Every structure is written in structure tokens, then in C-alpha cells.
Protein backbone atom coordinates (compact mmCIF):
# COMPACT_ATOMS: atom_id res chain seq x y z
CA UNK A 1 21.33 36.34 44.14
CA UNK A 2 23.41 37.01 41.01
CA UNK A 3 21.77 38.29 37.91
CA UNK A 4 22.34 36.46 34.56
CA UNK A 5 24.41 38.58 32.25
CA UNK A 6 23.79 38.97 28.54
CA UNK A 7 27.13 37.28 27.93
CA UNK A 8 25.99 34.17 29.84
CA UNK A 9 22.78 34.08 27.85
CA UNK A 10 24.47 34.32 24.46
CA UNK A 11 27.16 31.85 25.51
CA UNK A 12 24.54 29.27 26.42
CA UNK A 13 22.61 29.98 23.22
CA UNK A 14 25.83 29.49 21.26
CA UNK A 15 26.48 26.17 22.99
CA UNK A 16 22.93 25.00 22.30
CA UNK A 17 23.31 25.97 18.64
CA UNK A 18 26.62 24.12 18.37
CA UNK A 19 25.05 21.05 20.00
CA UNK A 20 22.10 21.23 17.63
CA UNK A 21 24.37 21.49 14.62
CA UNK A 22 26.35 18.53 15.92
CA UNK A 23 23.16 16.52 16.39
CA UNK A 24 21.92 17.40 12.91
CA UNK A 25 25.30 16.48 11.42
CA UNK A 26 25.37 13.14 13.23
CA UNK A 27 21.73 12.46 12.31
CA UNK A 28 22.42 13.37 8.69
CA UNK A 29 25.44 11.07 8.62
CA UNK A 30 23.38 8.30 10.19
CA UNK A 31 20.79 8.77 7.49
CA UNK A 32 23.46 8.56 4.80
CA UNK A 33 24.94 5.47 6.40
CA UNK A 34 21.51 3.87 6.62
CA UNK A 35 20.93 4.63 2.95
CA UNK A 36 24.23 3.08 1.97
CA UNK A 37 23.50 -0.01 4.01
CA UNK A 38 20.93 -0.77 1.35
CA UNK A 39 22.88 -2.50 -1.40
CA UNK A 40 22.93 -1.19 -4.93
CA UNK A 41 21.36 -3.74 -7.27
CA UNK A 42 22.36 -4.28 -10.89
CA UNK A 43 20.33 -6.79 -12.88
CA UNK A 44 22.04 -7.79 -16.14
CA UNK A 45 19.58 -9.50 -18.48
CA UNK A 46 20.89 -11.39 -21.52
CA UNK A 47 18.73 -12.05 -24.56
CA UNK A 48 18.36 -15.64 -25.89
CA UNK A 49 21.33 -16.96 -23.90
CA UNK A 50 21.17 -20.68 -23.24
CA UNK A 51 21.86 -22.77 -20.14
CA UNK A 52 24.94 -24.24 -21.82
CA UNK A 53 26.31 -21.06 -23.39
CA UNK A 54 28.69 -20.17 -20.53
CA UNK A 55 31.85 -21.99 -19.53
CA UNK A 56 30.79 -21.83 -15.87
CA UNK A 57 27.75 -23.89 -16.93
CA UNK A 58 29.81 -26.50 -18.74
CA UNK A 59 30.54 -25.00 -22.16
CA UNK A 60 33.88 -26.19 -23.51
CA UNK A 61 33.91 -24.65 -26.98
CA UNK A 62 33.64 -21.06 -25.73
CA UNK A 63 35.15 -19.27 -22.74
CA UNK A 64 33.32 -16.63 -20.70
CA UNK A 65 35.90 -15.58 -18.08
CA UNK A 66 34.06 -12.59 -16.67
CA UNK A 67 30.84 -14.46 -16.02
CA UNK A 68 32.90 -17.36 -14.69
CA UNK A 69 34.46 -14.95 -12.21
CA UNK A 70 31.08 -13.49 -11.27
CA UNK A 71 29.80 -17.02 -10.60
CA UNK A 72 32.92 -18.20 -8.76
CA UNK A 73 32.64 -15.27 -6.33
CA UNK A 74 28.88 -15.65 -5.85
CA UNK A 75 26.07 -18.15 -6.22
CA UNK A 76 25.56 -20.10 -9.43
CA UNK A 77 22.05 -21.49 -9.62
CA UNK A 78 21.46 -24.68 -11.58
CA UNK A 79 17.67 -24.49 -11.35
CA UNK A 80 17.05 -20.82 -12.14
CA UNK A 81 14.23 -19.86 -14.50
CA UNK A 82 12.57 -17.14 -16.48
CA UNK A 83 8.82 -17.71 -16.75
CA UNK A 84 8.51 -18.06 -20.51
CA UNK A 85 10.42 -19.30 -23.52
CA UNK A 86 10.20 -15.96 -25.35
CA UNK A 87 11.25 -12.48 -24.36
CA UNK A 88 8.21 -10.21 -23.96
CA UNK A 89 6.36 -12.62 -21.64
CA UNK A 90 9.43 -13.15 -19.44
CA UNK A 91 9.98 -9.40 -19.18
CA UNK A 92 6.32 -8.86 -18.35
CA UNK A 93 6.58 -11.35 -15.47
CA UNK A 94 9.79 -9.74 -14.27
CA UNK A 95 8.19 -6.30 -14.15
CA UNK A 96 4.78 -7.27 -12.73
CA UNK A 97 5.23 -10.42 -10.64
CA UNK A 98 2.40 -12.08 -12.56
CA UNK A 99 2.46 -14.98 -15.00
CA UNK A 100 2.07 -13.49 -18.49
CA UNK A 101 -0.32 -16.19 -19.68
CA UNK A 102 -2.92 -14.68 -17.34
CA UNK A 103 -3.23 -11.64 -19.61
CA UNK A 104 -3.83 -11.50 -23.36
CA UNK A 105 -1.51 -9.35 -25.41
CA UNK A 106 1.68 -10.37 -23.61
CA UNK A 107 3.15 -12.39 -26.48
CA UNK A 108 6.18 -11.23 -28.49
CA UNK A 109 5.37 -7.62 -29.39
CA UNK A 110 5.98 -5.71 -32.62
CA UNK A 111 8.09 -2.58 -32.40
CA UNK A 112 5.09 -0.24 -32.47
CA UNK A 113 3.09 -1.91 -29.69
CA UNK A 114 1.42 0.04 -26.91
CA UNK A 115 2.67 -0.28 -23.33
CA UNK A 116 1.47 -3.51 -21.67
CA UNK A 117 2.82 -2.81 -18.15
CA UNK A 118 0.27 -1.06 -15.89
CA UNK A 119 1.37 2.33 -14.64
CA UNK A 120 -0.80 2.25 -11.51
CA UNK A 121 0.29 -1.13 -10.08
CA UNK A 122 3.30 -2.53 -8.26
CA UNK A 123 6.30 -3.06 -10.52
CA UNK A 124 9.86 -4.12 -9.84
CA UNK A 125 11.37 -0.61 -10.17
CA UNK A 126 8.63 0.81 -7.92
CA UNK A 127 9.70 -1.60 -5.15
CA UNK A 128 13.13 0.00 -5.28
CA UNK A 129 11.79 3.56 -5.59
CA UNK A 130 9.64 3.04 -2.51
CA UNK A 131 12.79 1.98 -0.67
CA UNK A 132 14.55 5.23 -1.54
CA UNK A 133 16.47 4.00 -4.57
CA UNK A 134 17.27 5.79 -7.78
CA UNK A 135 16.12 3.55 -10.64
CA UNK A 136 17.31 3.21 -14.21
CA UNK A 137 16.94 1.03 -17.28
CA UNK A 138 19.47 0.80 -20.08
CA UNK A 139 19.00 -1.51 -23.07
CA UNK A 140 16.19 -3.53 -24.56
CA UNK A 141 12.63 -2.77 -23.45
CA UNK A 142 10.16 -4.71 -25.68
CA UNK A 143 7.13 -4.06 -23.48
CA UNK A 144 5.48 -1.42 -25.63
CA UNK A 145 5.36 2.37 -25.60
CA UNK A 146 2.50 4.84 -25.52
CA UNK A 147 -1.19 4.22 -25.18
CA UNK A 148 -1.79 3.29 -28.80
CA UNK A 149 -0.11 1.43 -31.64
CA UNK A 150 -0.61 4.47 -33.85
CA UNK A 151 1.79 6.92 -32.23
CA UNK A 152 4.10 9.71 -33.23
CA UNK A 153 7.81 8.95 -32.91
CA UNK A 154 8.68 12.62 -33.38
CA UNK A 155 7.81 14.05 -29.98
CA UNK A 156 7.26 12.86 -26.43
CA UNK A 157 6.62 9.10 -26.41
CA UNK A 158 4.84 7.97 -23.29
CA UNK A 159 3.83 6.15 -21.18
CA UNK A 160 6.87 3.90 -21.08
CA UNK A 161 9.62 2.83 -18.68
CA UNK A 162 9.57 6.12 -16.78
CA UNK A 163 5.87 5.78 -16.03
CA UNK A 164 6.24 2.27 -14.59
CA UNK A 165 8.94 3.25 -12.10
CA UNK A 166 12.25 4.09 -13.78
CA UNK A 167 13.72 7.51 -13.03
CA UNK A 168 15.97 7.21 -16.07
CA UNK A 169 15.59 5.23 -19.26
CA UNK A 170 17.81 4.75 -22.30
CA UNK A 171 16.30 2.02 -24.47
CA UNK A 172 15.35 0.82 -27.87
CA UNK A 173 11.64 0.01 -28.24
CA UNK A 174 11.60 -3.70 -29.08
CA UNK A 175 14.37 -5.90 -30.48
CA UNK A 176 17.24 -5.22 -32.85
CA UNK A 177 15.54 -7.07 -35.70
CA UNK A 178 12.45 -4.85 -35.52
CA UNK A 179 11.94 -1.22 -36.46
CA UNK A 180 12.28 1.50 -35.35
CA UNK A 181 16.04 1.11 -34.96
CA UNK A 182 16.54 4.14 -32.71
CA UNK A 183 17.47 4.92 -29.13
CA UNK A 184 14.91 6.58 -26.87
CA UNK A 185 16.08 8.50 -23.82
CA UNK A 186 13.40 9.53 -21.34
CA UNK A 187 10.55 9.73 -23.88
CA UNK A 188 12.50 11.29 -26.77
CA UNK A 189 14.23 9.66 -29.75
CA UNK A 190 17.94 10.42 -29.50
CA UNK A 191 19.25 12.63 -32.35
CA UNK A 192 15.71 13.24 -33.60
CA UNK A 193 15.59 15.43 -36.69
CA UNK A 194 12.18 17.04 -37.10
CA UNK A 195 13.03 17.71 -40.75
CA UNK A 196 13.27 13.94 -41.27
CA UNK A 197 10.30 12.60 -39.31
CA UNK A 198 10.09 8.93 -38.37
CA UNK A 199 7.17 6.77 -39.47
CA UNK A 200 6.66 3.09 -38.65
CA UNK A 201 4.19 0.53 -39.98
CA UNK A 202 3.95 -3.21 -39.39
CA UNK A 203 1.08 -3.88 -41.81
CA UNK A 204 2.14 -2.34 -45.11
CA UNK A 205 5.14 -0.77 -46.75
CA UNK A 206 5.58 2.96 -46.31
CA UNK A 207 8.01 5.21 -48.13
CA UNK A 208 10.52 4.22 -50.79
CA UNK A 209 13.34 2.76 -48.74
CA UNK A 210 14.82 -0.52 -49.96
CA UNK A 211 13.64 -3.76 -48.38
CA UNK A 212 15.29 -7.11 -47.98
CA UNK A 213 12.65 -8.70 -50.18
CA UNK A 214 13.01 -6.24 -53.05
CA UNK A 215 16.72 -5.48 -52.77
CA UNK A 216 18.57 -8.54 -51.44
CA UNK A 217 21.75 -7.35 -53.18
CA UNK A 218 22.02 -4.59 -50.56
CA UNK A 219 22.16 -6.98 -47.62
CA UNK A 220 25.42 -7.55 -45.75
CA UNK A 221 23.73 -10.17 -43.55
CA UNK A 222 21.52 -12.54 -45.49
CA UNK A 223 18.13 -13.40 -44.03
CA UNK A 224 16.79 -16.93 -43.69
CA UNK A 225 13.72 -17.17 -45.97
CA UNK A 226 10.43 -17.40 -44.12
CA UNK A 227 11.39 -15.59 -40.92
CA UNK A 228 10.06 -12.17 -41.90
CA UNK A 229 13.36 -10.28 -41.87
CA UNK A 230 12.73 -8.93 -45.34
CA UNK A 231 11.31 -5.48 -44.72
CA UNK A 232 13.14 -2.14 -44.40
CA UNK A 233 16.92 -2.45 -44.66
CA UNK A 234 18.86 -0.64 -41.94
CA UNK A 235 22.65 -0.87 -41.82
CA UNK A 236 22.62 -3.55 -44.53
CA UNK A 237 20.25 -5.78 -42.55
CA UNK A 238 16.61 -6.52 -43.33
CA UNK A 239 14.24 -5.94 -40.42
CA UNK A 240 10.73 -6.89 -39.40
CA UNK A 241 8.44 -3.94 -40.09
CA UNK A 242 8.67 -0.85 -42.27
CA UNK A 243 10.30 2.44 -41.36
CA UNK A 244 11.00 5.75 -43.03
CA UNK A 245 12.84 8.83 -41.80
CA UNK A 246 15.12 9.26 -38.82
CA UNK A 247 18.28 8.70 -40.88
CA UNK A 248 20.57 10.44 -38.39
CA UNK A 249 18.88 8.83 -35.39
CA UNK A 250 19.34 5.24 -36.55
CA UNK A 251 21.96 3.25 -34.72
CA UNK A 252 24.36 0.84 -36.39
CA UNK A 253 24.40 -2.71 -35.08
CA UNK A 254 28.11 -2.79 -34.31
CA UNK A 255 28.00 0.28 -32.05
CA UNK A 256 24.56 -0.15 -30.49
CA UNK A 257 25.60 -2.53 -27.65
CA UNK A 258 28.62 -0.35 -26.89
CA UNK A 259 26.33 2.66 -26.52
CA UNK A 260 24.18 0.76 -24.05
CA UNK A 261 27.30 -0.29 -22.13
CA UNK A 262 28.57 3.28 -21.95
CA UNK A 263 25.20 4.54 -20.71
CA UNK A 264 25.13 1.81 -18.04
CA UNK A 265 28.63 2.74 -16.86
CA UNK A 266 27.70 6.42 -16.74
CA UNK A 267 24.60 5.59 -14.73
CA UNK A 268 26.66 3.68 -12.17
CA UNK A 269 29.21 6.48 -11.86
CA UNK A 270 26.60 9.22 -11.55
CA UNK A 271 24.52 7.36 -8.95
CA UNK A 272 27.25 5.71 -6.91
CA UNK A 273 26.46 7.66 -3.72
CA UNK A 274 22.74 7.01 -3.18
CA UNK A 275 21.51 3.39 -3.46
CA UNK A 276 20.48 2.62 -7.02
CA UNK A 277 18.77 -0.09 -9.04
CA UNK A 278 19.98 -0.56 -12.62
CA UNK A 279 18.23 -2.88 -15.06
CA UNK A 280 20.82 -3.40 -17.79
CA UNK A 281 19.08 -5.31 -20.59
CA UNK A 282 21.68 -6.64 -23.01
CA UNK A 283 20.86 -7.32 -26.66
CA UNK A 284 23.23 -10.27 -27.09
CA UNK A 285 23.03 -12.92 -28.46
CA UNK A 286 19.65 -12.03 -30.04
CA UNK A 287 19.53 -11.60 -33.81
CA UNK A 288 20.70 -9.85 -35.87
CA UNK A 289 24.09 -10.85 -34.50
CA UNK A 290 26.43 -8.15 -35.64
CA UNK A 291 29.04 -7.74 -32.87
CA UNK A 292 31.66 -5.04 -32.83
CA UNK A 293 34.63 -5.61 -35.12
CA UNK A 294 37.00 -6.53 -32.27
CA UNK A 295 34.86 -9.62 -31.55
CA UNK A 296 34.08 -10.78 -35.08
CA UNK A 297 35.60 -14.15 -35.81
CA UNK A 298 37.04 -14.52 -32.31
CA UNK A 299 34.85 -17.39 -31.06
CA UNK A 300 35.12 -19.77 -33.98
CA UNK A 301 31.39 -20.38 -33.54
CA UNK A 302 30.05 -17.84 -36.00
CA UNK A 303 28.56 -14.47 -35.15
CA UNK A 304 26.45 -15.95 -32.35
CA UNK A 305 29.55 -17.10 -30.52
CA UNK A 306 31.20 -13.74 -31.15
CA UNK A 307 28.16 -12.00 -29.65
CA UNK A 308 28.48 -14.14 -26.51
CA UNK A 309 32.13 -13.08 -26.18
CA UNK A 310 30.99 -9.46 -26.47
CA UNK A 311 28.32 -10.09 -23.83
CA UNK A 312 30.89 -11.56 -21.43
CA UNK A 313 33.22 -8.61 -22.01
CA UNK A 314 30.39 -6.16 -21.28
CA UNK A 315 29.71 -7.91 -17.96
CA UNK A 316 33.41 -7.57 -17.14
CA UNK A 317 33.26 -3.85 -17.92
CA UNK A 318 30.33 -3.42 -15.53
CA UNK A 319 32.27 -5.27 -12.83
CA UNK A 320 35.26 -2.96 -13.39
CA UNK A 321 33.03 0.11 -13.23
CA UNK A 322 31.50 -0.99 -9.94
CA UNK A 323 34.97 -1.58 -8.47
CA UNK A 324 36.31 1.73 -9.75
CA UNK A 325 33.33 3.52 -8.19
CA UNK A 326 34.29 2.05 -4.82
CA UNK A 327 30.93 0.33 -4.34
CA UNK A 328 31.89 -3.28 -5.07
CA UNK A 329 31.15 -4.56 -1.57
CA UNK A 330 27.78 -2.82 -1.44
CA UNK A 331 26.48 -3.91 -4.83
CA UNK A 332 24.48 -7.00 -5.75
CA UNK A 333 24.95 -8.05 -9.36
CA UNK A 334 22.40 -10.51 -10.74
CA UNK A 335 22.83 -12.08 -14.16
CA UNK A 336 20.29 -14.15 -16.09
CA UNK A 337 18.60 -14.58 -19.48
CA UNK A 338 15.07 -13.94 -20.74
CA UNK A 339 14.68 -17.37 -22.37
CA UNK A 340 16.63 -20.26 -23.81
CA UNK A 341 18.82 -20.41 -26.90
CA UNK A 342 18.06 -20.42 -30.60
CA UNK A 343 20.50 -20.85 -33.48
CA UNK A 344 18.91 -19.88 -36.81
CA UNK A 345 16.42 -17.21 -35.78
CA UNK A 346 16.22 -15.43 -39.09
CA UNK A 347 19.70 -14.72 -40.40
CA UNK A 348 22.44 -16.82 -41.99
CA UNK A 349 25.16 -15.89 -39.51
CA UNK A 350 27.06 -19.14 -38.99
CA UNK A 351 25.20 -20.07 -35.80
CA UNK A 352 24.29 -23.45 -37.30
CA UNK A 353 27.09 -24.12 -39.75
CA UNK A 354 29.84 -23.11 -37.30
CA UNK A 355 28.42 -24.65 -34.14
CA UNK A 356 31.50 -26.90 -33.94
CA UNK A 357 30.21 -29.10 -31.16
CA UNK A 358 28.98 -26.29 -28.89
CA UNK A 359 25.69 -27.09 -27.11
CA UNK A 360 23.88 -23.85 -26.15
CA UNK A 361 21.16 -25.88 -24.36
CA UNK A 362 23.68 -27.89 -22.32
CA UNK A 363 22.19 -31.17 -21.02
CA UNK A 364 18.62 -29.93 -21.57
CA UNK A 365 16.04 -30.48 -24.31
CA UNK A 366 14.39 -27.71 -26.28
CA UNK A 367 15.30 -24.04 -26.38
CA UNK A 368 13.63 -20.76 -27.21
CA UNK A 369 9.92 -21.30 -28.06
CA UNK A 370 9.88 -24.59 -26.09
CA UNK A 371 8.10 -25.73 -22.92
CA UNK A 372 10.93 -28.22 -22.39
CA UNK A 373 13.58 -27.25 -19.82
CA UNK A 374 15.95 -25.44 -22.19
CA UNK A 375 13.15 -22.96 -22.87
CA UNK A 376 13.10 -21.44 -19.39
CA UNK A 377 15.97 -22.93 -17.35
CA UNK A 378 18.69 -20.34 -17.89
CA UNK A 379 21.98 -19.13 -16.43
CA UNK A 380 21.29 -17.44 -13.09
CA UNK A 381 24.09 -15.88 -11.04
CA UNK A 382 23.95 -13.71 -7.91
CA UNK A 383 27.09 -11.90 -6.74
CA UNK A 384 27.60 -9.74 -3.63
CA UNK A 385 31.26 -9.60 -2.55
CA UNK A 386 31.83 -10.15 1.15
CA UNK A 387 28.14 -10.88 1.77
CA UNK A 388 27.52 -14.13 -0.09
CA UNK A 389 29.40 -17.36 0.33
CA UNK A 390 30.51 -18.84 -2.98
CA UNK A 391 28.42 -21.87 -3.82
CA UNK A 392 26.40 -23.76 -6.39
CA UNK A 393 22.72 -23.92 -5.49
CA UNK A 394 20.02 -26.22 -6.84
CA UNK A 395 17.22 -24.11 -5.33
CA UNK A 396 14.37 -23.64 -7.80
CA UNK A 397 14.08 -19.90 -8.33
CA UNK A 398 12.38 -17.65 -10.85
CA UNK A 399 12.74 -14.06 -12.04
CA UNK A 400 9.04 -13.55 -11.33
CA UNK A 401 9.99 -13.64 -7.63
CA UNK A 402 12.16 -10.53 -7.63
CA UNK A 403 9.26 -8.29 -6.59
CA UNK A 404 8.29 -10.32 -3.51
CA UNK A 405 11.90 -11.01 -2.57
CA UNK A 406 13.09 -7.41 -2.68
CA UNK A 407 9.88 -6.26 -1.03
CA UNK A 408 10.86 -8.57 1.82
CA UNK A 409 14.38 -7.14 1.90
CA UNK A 410 12.92 -3.63 2.27
CA UNK A 411 10.07 -4.63 4.61
CA UNK A 412 7.43 -3.55 2.10
CA UNK A 413 3.90 -4.85 1.79
CA UNK A 414 2.69 -5.63 -1.73
CA UNK A 415 -1.09 -5.36 -2.22
CA UNK A 416 -2.67 -8.80 -2.35
CA UNK A 417 -4.20 -8.03 -5.74
CA UNK A 418 -0.81 -7.25 -7.31
CA UNK A 419 2.26 -9.36 -8.12
CA UNK A 420 0.40 -12.34 -6.66
CA UNK A 421 2.44 -14.96 -8.54
CA UNK A 422 5.67 -13.59 -7.04
CA UNK A 423 7.06 -15.49 -4.04
CA UNK A 424 9.61 -14.45 -1.46
CA UNK A 425 12.76 -16.46 -2.19
CA UNK A 426 15.18 -13.91 -0.71
CA UNK A 427 16.97 -16.46 1.47
CA UNK A 428 17.63 -18.64 -1.57
CA UNK A 429 18.86 -15.68 -3.63
CA UNK A 430 21.27 -14.77 -0.82
CA UNK A 431 22.44 -18.34 -0.37
CA UNK A 432 21.02 -18.79 3.12
CA UNK A 433 19.06 -21.84 2.02
CA UNK A 434 18.90 -24.26 -0.89
CA UNK A 435 15.13 -24.25 -0.67
CA UNK A 436 13.47 -22.04 -3.24
CA UNK A 437 10.08 -22.34 -4.85
CA UNK A 438 8.12 -25.53 -4.33
CA UNK A 439 6.01 -25.07 -7.47
CA UNK A 440 6.77 -23.36 -10.78
CA UNK A 441 4.74 -22.96 -13.97
CA UNK A 442 6.68 -22.87 -17.24
CA UNK A 443 5.16 -21.18 -20.25
CA UNK A 444 5.44 -21.54 -24.01
CA UNK A 445 2.63 -22.32 -26.46
CA UNK A 446 1.38 -24.51 -23.62
CA UNK A 447 2.07 -24.82 -19.91
CA UNK A 448 4.07 -27.14 -17.69
CA UNK A 449 4.27 -27.37 -13.92
CA UNK A 450 7.12 -28.50 -11.67
CA UNK A 451 6.75 -29.73 -8.10
CA UNK A 452 9.22 -31.74 -6.01
CA UNK A 453 11.31 -32.46 -9.09
CA UNK A 454 8.36 -33.82 -11.10
CA UNK A 455 7.44 -31.96 -14.28
CA UNK A 456 4.07 -32.33 -15.95
CA UNK A 457 3.51 -30.94 -19.46
CA UNK A 458 -0.15 -30.57 -20.34
CA UNK A 459 -1.35 -32.01 -23.68
CA UNK A 460 -0.99 -29.64 -26.61
CA UNK A 461 -1.95 -30.20 -30.24
CA UNK A 462 0.57 -27.67 -31.49
CA UNK A 463 3.51 -28.66 -33.70
CA UNK A 464 6.20 -30.84 -32.13
CA UNK A 465 8.92 -28.73 -33.77
CA UNK A 466 9.07 -24.99 -34.43
CA UNK A 467 10.10 -25.71 -38.04
CA UNK A 468 12.84 -28.16 -39.00
CA UNK A 469 13.93 -25.91 -41.87
CA UNK A 470 14.08 -22.79 -39.70
CA UNK A 471 14.61 -22.60 -35.93
CA UNK A 472 14.40 -26.41 -35.62
CA UNK A 473 13.59 -26.57 -31.88
CA UNK A 474 11.49 -29.20 -30.08
CA UNK A 475 8.48 -27.40 -28.66
CA UNK A 476 7.54 -30.09 -26.14
CA UNK A 477 4.04 -30.22 -27.61
CA UNK A 478 2.35 -33.63 -27.57
CA UNK A 479 -1.37 -34.51 -27.66
CA UNK A 480 -0.84 -36.74 -24.61
CA UNK A 481 0.40 -35.91 -21.08
CA UNK A 482 4.13 -35.90 -20.32
CA UNK A 483 5.76 -36.52 -16.95
CA UNK A 484 9.47 -36.29 -16.19
CA UNK A 485 11.49 -36.77 -13.04
CA UNK A 486 13.95 -33.90 -13.37
CA UNK A 487 16.02 -35.07 -10.41
CA UNK A 488 17.11 -38.16 -12.39
CA UNK A 489 16.31 -37.04 -15.92
CA UNK A 490 17.18 -33.39 -16.47
CA UNK A 491 17.20 -34.04 -20.22
CA UNK A 492 13.52 -35.09 -20.17
CA UNK A 493 14.21 -38.31 -22.06
CA UNK A 494 11.89 -40.70 -20.23
CA UNK A 495 8.18 -39.90 -20.23
CA UNK A 496 6.78 -41.55 -17.09
CA UNK A 497 3.15 -40.48 -17.56
CA UNK A 498 1.80 -44.01 -17.95
CA UNK A 499 3.81 -45.31 -14.98
CA UNK A 500 2.65 -42.68 -12.48
CA UNK A 501 -0.97 -41.71 -13.22
CA UNK A 502 -1.46 -40.56 -9.61
CA UNK A 503 1.31 -37.95 -9.97
CA UNK A 504 -0.18 -36.83 -13.28
CA UNK A 505 -3.54 -36.33 -11.57
CA UNK A 506 -2.00 -34.39 -8.68
CA UNK A 507 -0.11 -32.04 -10.98
CA UNK A 508 -3.05 -31.60 -13.34
CA UNK A 509 -5.22 -30.52 -10.43
CA UNK A 510 -2.53 -28.21 -9.07
CA UNK A 511 -2.01 -26.55 -12.44
CA UNK A 512 -5.75 -26.04 -12.79
CA UNK A 513 -5.86 -24.41 -9.33
CA UNK A 514 -3.10 -22.02 -10.33
CA UNK A 515 -4.78 -21.21 -13.63
CA UNK A 516 -8.03 -20.33 -11.91
CA UNK A 517 -6.50 -18.53 -8.96
CA UNK A 518 -8.32 -15.28 -8.43
CA UNK A 519 -6.62 -11.93 -8.15
CA UNK A 520 -5.44 -11.41 -4.60
CA UNK A 521 -5.06 -15.06 -3.71
CA UNK A 522 -1.59 -15.98 -2.54
């Protein structure tokens, strides 16, 4: 019998090592391939954009070619909704998967509000993180920061977006018409100067800075009386709330959206290899409308129309960035709005006087602040090149369903006590079916419920109009029940409550069941 030589032993060991390296390399590549099979997801969220504000939704007085292209290559939903007719509640529902009217303190927040999103519960970004995604937010937040209203803006500001699931955040705290007018990147005010500390107060004036009320001659954008935009002047515009300090850190309105766009593009480029989720929260066309110079006067519809042109251009820039990064066919882009449109929302910017026949609400009634359809039925586009067949879908879908739908995509279980208003509508989002939600609750000062095309608005003794001299929007409030057949009457012109009392009763009971649903009930 021959003895094994040392050479034979080391040769075999070498071969085993090479085989192992080959296996590890193949396994590693398989892991990378598996990761990339998960699509990147970019959610672009407009602010106060109406159902009729885009040319792909019927607008004729303004052209939005980039969003038209996004829609033409994807799915354009005609029955897509946010949950609420104002921004903070809609964003709360998006992040938590729960109707905001279930929790007090989810109304439109001041700029110094504490965080209202729980840090220990399921959130939309956490769904993606649990699936191995890198997560980022760029743009408007408006869901509060820190544990208290009384907070220091001159150090680490948390909890905030990072604590609810975002690996990276570049935001401003609330809205552009509220102080503080600064960017915050991962807990810290950008360009913070400790020698010029920031202070914010929403109850009384602080410091000696000019205000819109005391120094109207300093304003480059006049405020509509009675809206509250008469406090600290920043960049020639009166804001809601008082602010001192942070002179270097303050953004200017014309460059602020461009900064957000650049940060979003950088995020896409930096994270193009692993799967990522980007929540890009636009500021347009929310007030104060002060678009960049290249867009001013271009729409012929006043500064609001110009802001919509800027919004459409920004969407086009994101599309170009995705293509340049080589990830176009593995990226889902979703576009929608946080609530319906409003014209005069506090500034005299030509939105009313230069409307020129444009109808931001399209064929719908109401708008921002309204329980009528234009309050929550918004543009809703899903694009995934090569994966989705181009179509128009009438499936009833809602942003509150993103948590359950993406959890389904990633085979995740959401605890029964969390996100329990979120429903899995993944097949509708991906165009596999025209069947979406069967029931939806719409929220403003009161509630409405939709089922099988019937919409019931519960009685509400609130004002029928926000204020004819100001925003001038029908609220949908009436002291008696309202019932509309949206399949035949999308404009909610014919109240059928007296004709169909049995449908009223059915929807009243169903709404009451939803209101009293206990945590954990699906």
C-alpha cells in the first residue's frame, strides 16, 4: 500500500480551499443578487397638490410633462387617497398605518411640536429596514421633534425621523410658513452657529426681529390678513411663530427646494447598490410659494402655478438620477399628495387672481380642509419600468396601506396591535387587479365613509365654508346626513340621503364599528 505524501496532502488542501473560496464567492454573489431583486422604492410626496393640478389628470392650463411621463409608463390611479385633508394627519397615517383621528394631538402641528410618531412601534421605514433596506427622508417632516415642546435647537434634537426608522434624514421641522426656517440633518441644525443660538416661541414674541405685523413695509410677499402669517420675517416673508438667532442657518425660500432635490439625488447615488427606500417630501405647492427664479412667471397662473412647474421639474430630475445610476428597472417610484388643493392659504401670490380657468380640484368638490372628495382624493401614480403594465386604475387605494402592502411584499408579519388600519393592497398597487380597498374613511373636521361607491358624510355642525374671505373652500359640513353615489356623481352634487335611508343606516353602523374598533382588531 502506498503512503500519502505531504505533497498530496497539501494539494488536496489547496483544492478544498479553492473550492471553498469559490463557494463563498458564489454564495456572496447570490446574496447580492437576492438583495438587488428587492426593488428600490422612492416615494415622492407633494404638499397641497390637487387632483386636477396635473395635465395627466386633465389640467389644460398647465403642463406637467415629467409627471405625465411617469404616469404614462406606469399606473395612474383615479381613486387614490390620503387619509386626511390636511398634512400632519395624512403623514401620521402614512408613517403608522393608523387613522389619525384615533389619537389626539395629530392635527396640524406648530413648528416646535414634540414628536407624535411612536419610536417603539411599526412604522413605514421600519418595514423597509427589517427587509434589509437603507432608509432615508429628505424634505418636509411636520410630525414633531424631541420629547417636549420646550427644546433646545442648538444641540442634538431627538427623537425624530432617525428614531422612527430612517437611517438618514435631511428635513425642515414643519412647513415653510412656520419657524424655525432651518434644515436639520440627522439631529443637528445645518450651519448652526453656537454664537448665534436659535430660539423659537409660538405663544409670544421673543427678541427684536421685525415681524410682518409691525413691519409690513419689509415684506416682499404680502400676507393675507387673518391667516397668522404676521410673525417673524424671514427672507422678506412673514411666518407663523417667532424666532431669533440662527441667521447663517436660515434657508432662503428660492433655494430651499433645490437643496432638498440635491440631497435626494445624492442619496440615490450613494445608495444605488444596496436596496434603498427614499421618502422625498416636496414642499410645493404649499405656501409661501416662492419658486426659484427660473420658474417665476412661467406658468401664467401666479406663483402657485410656477411652484407646480418646479415640482414637475424636480420629479423629472429624480427620474434622470435613477436612470443615470443604472437602477431604473429595479426602482419603484410612487408619487402622491398629502391633501387636496388650496388657493389663498395666507399670502397674496396670484393663486386666486391669476387662476385663469385652471381647476386644481378637477371635477371634484372641496379641497384642503374639506371632507368632500377634493380633500383626500389626490394624484396617485406608481411607476416600475418593465414590471408594471401601463394603465389607468380605478381601484380605491390609500397611503395608509403602504405598511401592510410592503410588509406583504417582504413577507413580514405586523403585530396585530400596530398599523391595524392598514390593508394589503399590493396587487392593486402593482396593477395586478383593479380591486383595492372595499371601505375607506375620509377625515377632516368630521368623518366620511366610502363603500361600494357610496359615500356617507356624518352630520357636522361646523362651518360650511372655511372662510369665504380667506381660503374659501367648502368643508362638506352639514347638520344633516349626506349620501353620494360616487360612481355616477364624482362631484358630489346630488345628496341622496333621503332617497336611500337603508344605505345611510348601513354606512352609519359601519362607520361606528370602525370608530370603536379595538387595538389589534383587523
